[in-house]
Amino acid sequence: MFKWRSIADHFRQMNGYIAFGFILFLAGVVIGGTNPVFRNFLIGQIEGLGALSNMVEQSQYPTLTMMLVIFLNNAVKSIFVMYLGALFGILPLLFLVVNGMVIGFLLKHLAEQQGGAFVFELIFKGLLPHGIIEIPAIVVACAYGLRFGTLVIKALGAFLFARAKAPAIGKELEFFVVKTLPVMVLLAVSLLVASVIESTITTWLMSM
């Protein structure tokens, strides 16, 4: 189950879904940065993140608390979108787009308030150090959720209209679920590393 070659081969089979996940995320960034229709919704999402930030600031050990909050928030959500993707892939699709929209809206708002140079610095100091690990991990989790939803739709279609194909699709679905277990572990480790970087290196860079 945890053979690296097998996991790497499965990742290659998932390339199309992973690429589609990045497209959805980037589309969300563009929509959030250009479409004012979603302004109130996105402000609500950012305020929710602000509540987590306040909890960290009030902690006796803010760095450790920040690391744990970030890790648990991202890891739990990633596992949820991976497996709840079984509900026809709707949740991971929305998760990618909404998260992209939040980033796009925030960057646009900061550019209007602080200028482009500030946003450029924020991206390289405040986003890239941990985001280069965190964002791909989340996209991969959502890609697996999308694949899960596709397989469930195929299985449902086979059950309703082509029962002779149902056993083969059932085995494909079972194989996929087994492969998600080592992927889940890898994603959890990646998100833990990203949370350590965000709570230490990113915080240090932003204070300079």
Protein backbone atom coordinates (compact mmCIF):
# COMPACT_ATOMS: atom_id res chain seq x y z
CA MET A 1 0.00 0.00 0.00
CA PHE A 2 2.84 2.38 0.90
CA LYS A 3 5.24 1.43 -1.89
CA TRP A 4 6.67 4.66 -3.28
CA ARG A 5 6.74 3.44 -6.89
CA SER A 6 3.08 2.47 -6.70
CA ILE A 7 2.14 5.84 -5.18
CA ALA A 8 4.17 7.69 -7.84
CA ASP A 9 2.47 5.70 -10.61
CA HIS A 10 -0.94 6.56 -9.18
CA PHE A 11 -0.01 10.25 -9.01
CA ARG A 12 0.85 10.12 -12.71
CA GLN A 13 -2.57 8.60 -13.42
CA MET A 14 -4.08 11.53 -11.54
CA ASN A 15 -2.24 14.20 -13.57
CA GLY A 16 -5.37 15.26 -15.46
CA TYR A 17 -7.38 15.77 -12.28
CA ILE A 18 -4.50 17.59 -10.57
CA ALA A 19 -4.09 19.91 -13.56
CA PHE A 20 -7.84 20.55 -13.57
CA GLY A 21 -7.63 21.30 -9.85
CA PHE A 22 -4.98 23.98 -10.44
CA ILE A 23 -7.12 25.46 -13.23
CA LEU A 24 -10.11 25.68 -10.88
CA PHE A 25 -7.99 27.30 -8.18
CA LEU A 26 -6.50 29.88 -10.58
CA ALA A 27 -9.95 30.57 -12.01
CA GLY A 28 -11.09 31.28 -8.45
CA VAL A 29 -8.20 33.73 -7.97
CA VAL A 30 -9.20 35.59 -11.14
CA ILE A 31 -12.91 35.66 -10.21
CA GLY A 32 -12.19 36.85 -6.67
CA GLY A 33 -9.88 39.58 -7.93
CA THR A 34 -12.13 40.87 -10.69
CA ASN A 35 -15.77 40.22 -9.80
CA PRO A 36 -17.32 42.46 -7.08
CA VAL A 37 -20.51 40.35 -6.97
CA PHE A 38 -18.96 38.02 -4.39
CA ARG A 39 -17.54 40.80 -2.19
CA ASN A 40 -19.77 40.26 0.87
CA PHE A 41 -19.36 36.49 0.73
CA LEU A 42 -15.57 36.74 0.54
CA ILE A 43 -15.40 39.29 3.34
CA GLY A 44 -17.28 36.77 5.50
CA GLN A 45 -14.71 34.09 4.63
CA ILE A 46 -11.83 36.41 5.55
CA GLU A 47 -13.50 37.36 8.84
CA GLY A 48 -13.66 33.66 9.69
CA LEU A 49 -9.90 33.45 9.20
CA GLY A 50 -9.54 36.55 11.37
CA ALA A 51 -11.26 34.72 14.23
CA LEU A 52 -8.60 32.01 14.05
CA SER A 53 -5.89 34.69 14.06
CA ASN A 54 -7.35 36.25 17.21
CA MET A 55 -7.31 32.88 18.94
CA VAL A 56 -3.63 32.49 18.08
CA GLU A 57 -2.74 35.98 19.37
CA GLN A 58 -4.46 35.32 22.70
CA SER A 59 -2.61 32.05 23.22
CA GLN A 60 0.19 31.69 25.75
CA TYR A 61 2.31 30.00 23.08
CA PRO A 62 1.34 31.78 19.86
CA THR A 63 3.86 30.08 17.54
CA LEU A 64 2.89 26.57 18.61
CA THR A 65 -0.80 27.45 18.60
CA MET A 66 -0.50 28.98 15.14
CA MET A 67 1.21 25.85 13.81
CA LEU A 68 -1.45 23.55 15.27
CA VAL A 69 -4.38 25.71 14.14
CA ILE A 70 -3.06 25.98 10.59
CA PHE A 71 -2.22 22.28 10.36
CA LEU A 72 -5.51 21.03 11.79
CA ASN A 73 -7.56 23.48 9.73
CA ASN A 74 -5.88 22.49 6.46
CA ALA A 75 -5.52 18.76 7.20
CA VAL A 76 -9.10 18.25 8.34
CA LYS A 77 -10.50 20.20 5.40
CA SER A 78 -8.28 18.32 2.94
CA ILE A 79 -9.38 14.92 4.25
CA PHE A 80 -13.01 16.02 4.16
CA VAL A 81 -12.86 17.24 0.55
CA MET A 82 -11.00 14.10 -0.52
CA TYR A 83 -13.62 11.69 0.81
CA LEU A 84 -16.74 13.85 0.61
CA GLY A 85 -15.85 14.22 -3.04
CA ALA A 86 -17.79 10.98 -3.28
CA LEU A 87 -20.88 13.22 -3.34
CA PHE A 88 -20.39 13.70 -7.11
CA GLY A 89 -17.25 15.86 -6.73
CA ILE A 90 -19.21 18.98 -5.77
CA LEU A 91 -17.43 19.84 -2.51
CA PRO A 92 -13.80 19.74 -3.79
CA LEU A 93 -14.80 21.80 -6.83
CA LEU A 94 -16.37 24.50 -4.64
CA PHE A 95 -13.51 24.32 -2.14
CA LEU A 96 -10.88 25.04 -4.81
CA VAL A 97 -12.81 27.89 -6.40
CA VAL A 98 -13.75 29.57 -3.12
CA ASN A 99 -10.21 29.39 -1.72
CA GLY A 100 -8.85 30.86 -4.93
CA MET A 101 -11.47 33.61 -4.80
CA VAL A 102 -10.47 34.52 -1.24
CA ILE A 103 -6.82 34.89 -2.23
CA GLY A 104 -7.68 36.86 -5.38
CA PHE A 105 -10.02 39.20 -3.48
CA LEU A 106 -7.51 39.74 -0.66
CA LEU A 107 -4.64 40.51 -3.04
CA LYS A 108 -6.79 42.98 -4.99
CA HIS A 109 -7.98 44.69 -1.80
CA LEU A 110 -4.42 45.01 -0.48
CA ALA A 111 -3.21 46.32 -3.85
CA GLU A 112 -5.86 49.06 -3.70
CA GLN A 113 -5.00 49.93 -0.10
CA GLN A 114 -1.23 49.42 0.03
CA GLY A 115 -0.08 49.41 -3.58
CA GLY A 116 1.34 46.83 -5.93
CA ALA A 117 4.81 46.79 -4.34
CA PHE A 118 3.31 45.72 -1.00
CA VAL A 119 1.35 42.90 -2.65
CA PHE A 120 4.46 41.75 -4.53
CA GLU A 121 6.37 41.61 -1.24
CA LEU A 122 3.46 39.84 0.47
CA ILE A 123 3.36 37.14 -2.20
CA PHE A 124 7.08 36.40 -1.93
CA LYS A 125 7.39 36.73 1.84
CA GLY A 126 3.95 35.81 3.14
CA LEU A 127 2.58 33.31 0.64
CA LEU A 128 5.27 31.48 -1.31
CA PRO A 129 7.42 30.06 1.55
CA HIS A 130 4.61 27.84 2.84
CA GLY A 131 2.19 28.13 -0.09
CA ILE A 132 4.55 26.31 -2.42
CA ILE A 133 3.80 23.20 -0.33
CA GLU A 134 0.36 23.98 1.09
CA ILE A 135 -1.45 24.95 -2.12
CA PRO A 136 -0.34 21.90 -4.18
CA ALA A 137 -1.25 19.62 -1.24
CA ILE A 138 -4.75 21.08 -1.07
CA VAL A 139 -5.13 20.90 -4.85
CA VAL A 140 -4.08 17.23 -4.81
CA ALA A 141 -6.60 16.47 -2.05
CA CYS A 142 -9.33 18.12 -4.11
CA ALA A 143 -8.18 16.31 -7.26
CA TYR A 144 -8.67 13.01 -5.45
CA GLY A 145 -12.08 14.21 -4.31
CA LEU A 146 -13.01 15.03 -7.91
CA ARG A 147 -11.82 11.59 -9.05
CA PHE A 148 -13.80 9.96 -6.25
CA GLY A 149 -16.92 11.77 -7.42
CA THR A 150 -16.32 10.71 -11.03
CA LEU A 151 -15.99 7.07 -10.02
CA VAL A 152 -19.17 7.22 -7.92
CA ILE A 153 -21.05 8.69 -10.89
CA LYS A 154 -19.69 5.91 -13.13
CA ALA A 155 -20.66 3.26 -10.58
CA LEU A 156 -24.16 4.71 -10.22
CA GLY A 157 -24.56 4.85 -14.00
CA ALA A 158 -23.41 1.25 -14.36
CA PHE A 159 -25.79 0.11 -11.63
CA LEU A 160 -28.74 1.82 -13.29
CA PHE A 161 -28.02 1.27 -16.98
CA ALA A 162 -25.21 -1.26 -17.52
CA ARG A 163 -25.13 -3.75 -14.68
CA ALA A 164 -22.70 -6.01 -16.49
CA LYS A 165 -20.02 -3.32 -16.03
CA ALA A 166 -20.83 -2.74 -12.36
CA PRO A 167 -18.40 -5.35 -10.89
CA ALA A 168 -15.43 -3.92 -12.84
CA ILE A 169 -16.25 -0.35 -11.84
CA GLY A 170 -16.76 -1.50 -8.24
CA LYS A 171 -13.24 -2.96 -8.22
CA GLU A 172 -11.87 0.24 -9.73
CA LEU A 173 -13.57 2.24 -6.99
CA GLU A 174 -12.23 -0.09 -4.30
CA PHE A 175 -8.70 0.17 -5.73
CA PHE A 176 -8.96 3.96 -5.74
CA VAL A 177 -10.11 4.14 -2.10
CA VAL A 178 -7.18 1.95 -1.03
CA LYS A 179 -4.77 4.27 -2.87
CA THR A 180 -6.14 7.32 -1.06
CA LEU A 181 -4.80 6.04 2.28
CA PRO A 182 -1.06 6.57 1.60
CA VAL A 183 -1.92 9.79 -0.24
CA MET A 184 -3.76 11.02 2.84
CA VAL A 185 -0.66 10.36 4.96
CA LEU A 186 1.61 12.17 2.49
CA LEU A 187 -0.75 15.15 2.39
CA ALA A 188 -0.88 15.30 6.19
CA VAL A 189 2.93 15.33 6.39
CA SER A 190 3.15 18.00 3.67
CA LEU A 191 0.60 20.20 5.44
CA LEU A 192 2.42 19.76 8.74
CA VAL A 193 5.67 20.96 7.12
CA ALA A 194 3.79 23.89 5.55
CA SER A 195 2.28 24.84 8.92
CA VAL A 196 5.72 24.83 10.56
CA ILE A 197 7.09 27.06 7.80
CA GLU A 198 4.10 29.44 8.00
CA SER A 199 4.28 29.78 11.78
CA THR A 200 8.04 30.36 11.83
CA ILE A 201 9.78 31.34 8.58
CA THR A 202 6.81 33.16 7.03
CA THR A 203 6.15 35.06 10.27
CA TRP A 204 9.84 35.99 10.51
CA LEU A 205 9.97 37.20 6.90
CA MET A 206 6.84 39.31 7.32
CA SER A 207 8.32 40.99 10.41
CA MET A 208 11.41 42.16 8.51
